[in-house]
């Protein structure tokens, strides 16, 4: 009987250890941001900071919180596009400030609409699915007051936040 107890202990330990699973940790499980970089219209190879930049999502009427609001030293930003729709509109505001009397937004406002198709991508059992975006295009209504002079989509698929997807020239 004394010989059977150690044997049973060893068997139960083997069963216990073999039934354990490694912990799944999600490292890259976020839906990618749309990366926008700003360039000088006079020298299209030189990036350019936008003074007091604010970006507001039009439907939610809220400032994008993926970068410092009204920052003056940004030449590129990452913004979240809607995964529950095929378009997202943003008000890009340069020289953004609040009017001292009314509290209304001041500055030069251009509204850009990003159009795309959505595609789910399975990452892992820990992360689940993320949304990727394909066939990206952007439109800006023509106006004499536009501060944005030109827009180029350089990568039509948004699958990561490592590369520039859209270049804006002003």
C-alpha atoms as a PDB file:
ATOM      1  CA  UNK A   1       0.000   0.000   0.000  1.00  0.00           C
ATOM      2  CA  UNK A   2       2.896   2.336   0.795  1.00  0.00           C
ATOM      3  CA  UNK A   3       4.257   1.750  -2.697  1.00  0.00           C
ATOM      4  CA  UNK A   4       0.952   2.588  -4.391  1.00  0.00           C
ATOM      5  CA  UNK A   5       0.515   6.028  -2.753  1.00  0.00           C
ATOM      6  CA  UNK A   6       3.682   7.595  -4.320  1.00  0.00           C
ATOM      7  CA  UNK A   7       2.737   6.059  -7.655  1.00  0.00           C
ATOM      8  CA  UNK A   8      -0.777   7.592  -7.452  1.00  0.00           C
ATOM      9  CA  UNK A   9       0.701  10.953  -6.480  1.00  0.00           C
ATOM     10  CA  UNK A  10       2.997  10.912  -9.499  1.00  0.00           C
ATOM     11  CA  UNK A  11       0.147   9.939 -11.833  1.00  0.00           C
ATOM     12  CA  UNK A  12      -2.106  12.685 -10.453  1.00  0.00           C
ATOM     13  CA  UNK A  13       0.684  15.287 -10.849  1.00  0.00           C
ATOM     14  CA  UNK A  14       1.247  14.237 -14.468  1.00  0.00           C
ATOM     15  CA  UNK A  15      -2.471  14.516 -15.206  1.00  0.00           C
ATOM     16  CA  UNK A  16      -2.657  17.920 -13.489  1.00  0.00           C
ATOM     17  CA  UNK A  17       0.350  19.363 -15.355  1.00  0.00           C
ATOM     18  CA  UNK A  18      -0.742  18.025 -18.725  1.00  0.00           C
ATOM     19  CA  UNK A  19      -4.204  19.530 -18.350  1.00  0.00           C
ATOM     20  CA  UNK A  20      -2.859  23.074 -17.810  1.00  0.00           C
ATOM     21  CA  UNK A  21      -2.918  25.474 -20.719  1.00  0.00           C
ATOM     22  CA  UNK A  22      -0.524  28.321 -21.234  1.00  0.00           C
ATOM     23  CA  UNK A  23      -1.901  31.772 -20.558  1.00  0.00           C
ATOM     24  CA  UNK A  24      -2.963  33.570 -23.712  1.00  0.00           C
ATOM     25  CA  UNK A  25      -1.874  37.179 -23.665  1.00  0.00           C
ATOM     26  CA  UNK A  26      -3.085  39.560 -26.313  1.00  0.00           C
ATOM     27  CA  UNK A  27      -0.271  41.754 -27.601  1.00  0.00           C
ATOM     28  CA  UNK A  28      -1.512  43.036 -30.963  1.00  0.00           C
ATOM     29  CA  UNK A  29      -5.257  42.946 -30.558  1.00  0.00           C
ATOM     30  CA  UNK A  30      -6.274  46.516 -31.357  1.00  0.00           C
ATOM     31  CA  UNK A  31      -8.071  47.729 -34.438  1.00  0.00           C
ATOM     32  CA  UNK A  32      -5.513  49.880 -36.290  1.00  0.00           C
ATOM     33  CA  UNK A  33      -5.677  53.656 -36.389  1.00  0.00           C
ATOM     34  CA  UNK A  34      -5.710  55.583 -39.647  1.00  0.00           C
ATOM     35  CA  UNK A  35      -2.313  57.327 -39.863  1.00  0.00           C
ATOM     36  CA  UNK A  36      -2.357  60.805 -41.414  1.00  0.00           C
ATOM     37  CA  UNK A  37       0.802  62.820 -42.074  1.00  0.00           C
ATOM     38  CA  UNK A  38       0.890  66.509 -42.954  1.00  0.00           C
ATOM     39  CA  UNK A  39       3.174  67.952 -45.631  1.00  0.00           C
ATOM     40  CA  UNK A  40       4.149  71.374 -46.907  1.00  0.00           C
ATOM     41  CA  UNK A  41       2.310  72.175 -50.160  1.00  0.00           C
ATOM     42  CA  UNK A  42       5.355  74.139 -51.406  1.00  0.00           C
ATOM     43  CA  UNK A  43       7.776  71.241 -50.722  1.00  0.00           C
ATOM     44  CA  UNK A  44       5.786  68.012 -50.906  1.00  0.00           C
ATOM     45  CA  UNK A  45       8.647  65.963 -49.444  1.00  0.00           C
ATOM     46  CA  UNK A  46       8.871  67.993 -46.214  1.00  0.00           C
ATOM     47  CA  UNK A  47       6.548  67.152 -43.342  1.00  0.00           C
ATOM     48  CA  UNK A  48       4.907  70.139 -41.674  1.00  0.00           C
ATOM     49  CA  UNK A  49       3.464  70.701 -38.195  1.00  0.00           C
ATOM     50  CA  UNK A  50      -0.149  71.868 -38.007  1.00  0.00           C
ATOM     51  CA  UNK A  51      -0.679  74.771 -35.566  1.00  0.00           C
ATOM     52  CA  UNK A  52      -3.249  74.130 -32.792  1.00  0.00           C
ATOM     53  CA  UNK A  53      -4.693  71.041 -34.477  1.00  0.00           C
ATOM     54  CA  UNK A  54      -8.027  69.682 -33.306  1.00  0.00           C
ATOM     55  CA  UNK A  55      -9.901  66.859 -34.982  1.00  0.00           C
ATOM     56  CA  UNK A  56     -13.544  66.202 -34.179  1.00  0.00           C
ATOM     57  CA  UNK A  57     -15.532  63.167 -35.254  1.00  0.00           C
ATOM     58  CA  UNK A  58     -18.601  64.698 -36.906  1.00  0.00           C
ATOM     59  CA  UNK A  59     -21.356  62.247 -35.838  1.00  0.00           C
ATOM     60  CA  UNK A  60     -20.221  62.033 -32.214  1.00  0.00           C
ATOM     61  CA  UNK A  61     -19.265  65.735 -32.166  1.00  0.00           C
ATOM     62  CA  UNK A  62     -16.286  64.942 -29.963  1.00  0.00           C
ATOM     63  CA  UNK A  63     -12.570  65.624 -30.210  1.00  0.00           C
ATOM     64  CA  UNK A  64     -10.391  62.677 -31.139  1.00  0.00           C
ATOM     65  CA  UNK A  65      -8.433  61.569 -28.062  1.00  0.00           C
ATOM     66  CA  UNK A  66      -5.590  59.610 -29.675  1.00  0.00           C
ATOM     67  CA  UNK A  67      -3.258  62.636 -29.583  1.00  0.00           C
ATOM     68  CA  UNK A  68      -2.934  65.863 -27.575  1.00  0.00           C
ATOM     69  CA  UNK A  69      -5.808  68.183 -28.475  1.00  0.00           C
ATOM     70  CA  UNK A  70      -4.786  71.518 -30.004  1.00  0.00           C
ATOM     71  CA  UNK A  71      -1.179  70.490 -30.144  1.00  0.00           C
ATOM     72  CA  UNK A  72       1.161  72.646 -32.204  1.00  0.00           C
ATOM     73  CA  UNK A  73       3.937  70.190 -32.898  1.00  0.00           C
ATOM     74  CA  UNK A  74       2.291  67.311 -34.731  1.00  0.00           C
ATOM     75  CA  UNK A  75       3.176  66.367 -38.276  1.00  0.00           C
ATOM     76  CA  UNK A  76       1.388  63.008 -38.095  1.00  0.00           C
ATOM     77  CA  UNK A  77      -1.552  61.597 -36.167  1.00  0.00           C
ATOM     78  CA  UNK A  78      -3.450  58.364 -35.700  1.00  0.00           C
ATOM     79  CA  UNK A  79      -7.235  58.591 -35.729  1.00  0.00           C
ATOM     80  CA  UNK A  80      -9.848  55.880 -35.163  1.00  0.00           C
ATOM     81  CA  UNK A  81     -12.290  55.264 -37.978  1.00  0.00           C
ATOM     82  CA  UNK A  82     -15.700  53.776 -37.313  1.00  0.00           C
ATOM     83  CA  UNK A  83     -15.922  50.000 -37.544  1.00  0.00           C
ATOM     84  CA  UNK A  84     -19.735  50.057 -37.468  1.00  0.00           C
ATOM     85  CA  UNK A  85     -20.013  52.085 -40.689  1.00  0.00           C
ATOM     86  CA  UNK A  86     -18.368  52.430 -44.107  1.00  0.00           C
ATOM     87  CA  UNK A  87     -17.695  56.162 -43.781  1.00  0.00           C
ATOM     88  CA  UNK A  88     -16.298  58.397 -41.069  1.00  0.00           C
ATOM     89  CA  UNK A  89     -16.263  62.189 -41.237  1.00  0.00           C
ATOM     90  CA  UNK A  90     -13.835  64.367 -39.306  1.00  0.00           C
ATOM     91  CA  UNK A  91     -13.572  68.122 -38.900  1.00  0.00           C
ATOM     92  CA  UNK A  92      -9.873  68.973 -39.234  1.00  0.00           C
ATOM     93  CA  UNK A  93      -9.403  72.312 -37.478  1.00  0.00           C
ATOM     94  CA  UNK A  94      -6.209  74.350 -37.701  1.00  0.00           C
ATOM     95  CA  UNK A  95      -5.572  77.276 -35.323  1.00  0.00           C
ATOM     96  CA  UNK A  96      -8.279  75.824 -33.104  1.00  0.00           C
ATOM     97  CA  UNK A  97      -9.459  77.864 -30.109  1.00  0.00           C
ATOM     98  CA  UNK A  98     -12.642  78.648 -28.230  1.00  0.00           C
ATOM     99  CA  UNK A  99     -14.224  82.063 -28.698  1.00  0.00           C
ATOM    100  CA  UNK A 100     -13.923  83.919 -25.380  1.00  0.00           C
ATOM    101  CA  UNK A 101     -17.503  85.245 -25.545  1.00  0.00           C
ATOM    102  CA  UNK A 102     -19.510  82.369 -27.020  1.00  0.00           C
ATOM    103  CA  UNK A 103     -17.289  79.354 -26.384  1.00  0.00           C
ATOM    104  CA  UNK A 104     -17.758  78.381 -30.041  1.00  0.00           C
ATOM    105  CA  UNK A 105     -14.982  76.708 -32.004  1.00  0.00           C
ATOM    106  CA  UNK A 106     -12.817  79.099 -34.020  1.00  0.00           C
ATOM    107  CA  UNK A 107     -10.135  78.306 -36.545  1.00  0.00           C
ATOM    108  CA  UNK A 108     -10.169  77.065 -40.097  1.00  0.00           C
ATOM    109  CA  UNK A 109     -12.329  73.929 -40.415  1.00  0.00           C
ATOM    110  CA  UNK A 110     -12.190  71.420 -43.261  1.00  0.00           C
ATOM    111  CA  UNK A 111     -14.438  68.359 -43.118  1.00  0.00           C
ATOM    112  CA  UNK A 112     -12.964  65.197 -44.597  1.00  0.00           C
ATOM    113  CA  UNK A 113     -14.990  62.049 -45.237  1.00  0.00           C
ATOM    114  CA  UNK A 114     -13.166  58.735 -45.282  1.00  0.00           C
ATOM    115  CA  UNK A 115     -14.899  55.900 -47.163  1.00  0.00           C
ATOM    116  CA  UNK A 116     -13.847  52.258 -46.849  1.00  0.00           C
ATOM    117  CA  UNK A 117     -14.977  48.657 -46.581  1.00  0.00           C
ATOM    118  CA  UNK A 118     -14.585  46.726 -43.345  1.00  0.00           C
ATOM    119  CA  UNK A 119     -13.012  43.305 -42.916  1.00  0.00           C
ATOM    120  CA  UNK A 120     -12.686  41.271 -39.723  1.00  0.00           C
ATOM    121  CA  UNK A 121      -9.335  39.626 -39.071  1.00  0.00           C
ATOM    122  CA  UNK A 122      -8.799  36.882 -36.505  1.00  0.00           C
ATOM    123  CA  UNK A 123      -5.724  37.615 -34.366  1.00  0.00           C
ATOM    124  CA  UNK A 124      -5.708  34.850 -31.726  1.00  0.00           C
ATOM    125  CA  UNK A 125      -7.939  33.200 -29.159  1.00  0.00           C
ATOM    126  CA  UNK A 126      -6.805  35.774 -26.578  1.00  0.00           C
ATOM    127  CA  UNK A 127      -7.303  38.802 -28.834  1.00  0.00           C
ATOM    128  CA  UNK A 128     -10.227  37.645 -30.894  1.00  0.00           C
ATOM    129  CA  UNK A 129     -11.052  39.655 -33.989  1.00  0.00           C
ATOM    130  CA  UNK A 130      -9.985  43.142 -35.037  1.00  0.00           C
ATOM    131  CA  UNK A 131     -11.402  45.258 -37.816  1.00  0.00           C
ATOM    132  CA  UNK A 132      -9.281  46.113 -40.849  1.00  0.00           C
ATOM    133  CA  UNK A 133     -10.269  48.606 -43.521  1.00  0.00           C
ATOM    134  CA  UNK A 134      -9.879  48.258 -47.286  1.00  0.00           C
ATOM    135  CA  UNK A 135     -10.491  50.428 -50.367  1.00  0.00           C
ATOM    136  CA  UNK A 136      -9.809  53.622 -48.422  1.00  0.00           C
ATOM    137  CA  UNK A 137     -10.688  56.891 -50.131  1.00  0.00           C
ATOM    138  CA  UNK A 138     -11.092  60.434 -48.847  1.00  0.00           C
ATOM    139  CA  UNK A 139     -13.102  63.417 -50.014  1.00  0.00           C
ATOM    140  CA  UNK A 140     -13.018  67.113 -49.176  1.00  0.00           C
ATOM    141  CA  UNK A 141     -15.725  69.460 -50.477  1.00  0.00           C
ATOM    142  CA  UNK A 142     -14.152  72.247 -52.549  1.00  0.00           C
ATOM    143  CA  UNK A 143     -14.158  75.667 -50.938  1.00  0.00           C
ATOM    144  CA  UNK A 144     -12.148  78.863 -51.253  1.00  0.00           C
ATOM    145  CA  UNK A 145     -11.567  78.715 -47.482  1.00  0.00           C
ATOM    146  CA  UNK A 146      -9.997  75.232 -47.375  1.00  0.00           C
ATOM    147  CA  UNK A 147      -6.684  75.148 -45.536  1.00  0.00           C
ATOM    148  CA  UNK A 148      -6.071  71.647 -46.910  1.00  0.00           C
ATOM    149  CA  UNK A 149      -4.823  71.990 -50.487  1.00  0.00           C
ATOM    150  CA  UNK A 150      -4.378  68.364 -51.528  1.00  0.00           C
ATOM    151  CA  UNK A 151      -4.915  64.835 -50.196  1.00  0.00           C
ATOM    152  CA  UNK A 152      -3.294  61.577 -51.306  1.00  0.00           C
ATOM    153  CA  UNK A 153      -4.210  58.087 -50.151  1.00  0.00           C
ATOM    154  CA  UNK A 154      -0.892  56.238 -50.125  1.00  0.00           C
ATOM    155  CA  UNK A 155      -2.120  52.963 -48.651  1.00  0.00           C
ATOM    156  CA  UNK A 156      -5.681  51.819 -49.355  1.00  0.00           C
ATOM    157  CA  UNK A 157      -5.648  49.070 -46.709  1.00  0.00           C
ATOM    158  CA  UNK A 158      -5.503  49.926 -43.017  1.00  0.00           C
ATOM    159  CA  UNK A 159      -4.155  46.781 -41.353  1.00  0.00           C
ATOM    160  CA  UNK A 160      -1.691  48.316 -38.888  1.00  0.00           C
ATOM    161  CA  UNK A 161      -0.756  51.654 -37.368  1.00  0.00           C
ATOM    162  CA  UNK A 162       2.876  51.480 -38.491  1.00  0.00           C
ATOM    163  CA  UNK A 163       2.577  53.118 -41.926  1.00  0.00           C
ATOM    164  CA  UNK A 164       1.179  56.379 -43.264  1.00  0.00           C
ATOM    165  CA  UNK A 165      -2.152  55.822 -44.997  1.00  0.00           C
ATOM    166  CA  UNK A 166      -3.064  59.387 -46.003  1.00  0.00           C
ATOM    167  CA  UNK A 167      -0.920  62.428 -46.824  1.00  0.00           C
ATOM    168  CA  UNK A 168      -2.417  65.884 -46.409  1.00  0.00           C
ATOM    169  CA  UNK A 169      -0.753  68.882 -48.055  1.00  0.00           C
ATOM    170  CA  UNK A 170      -1.346  72.444 -46.879  1.00  0.00           C
END
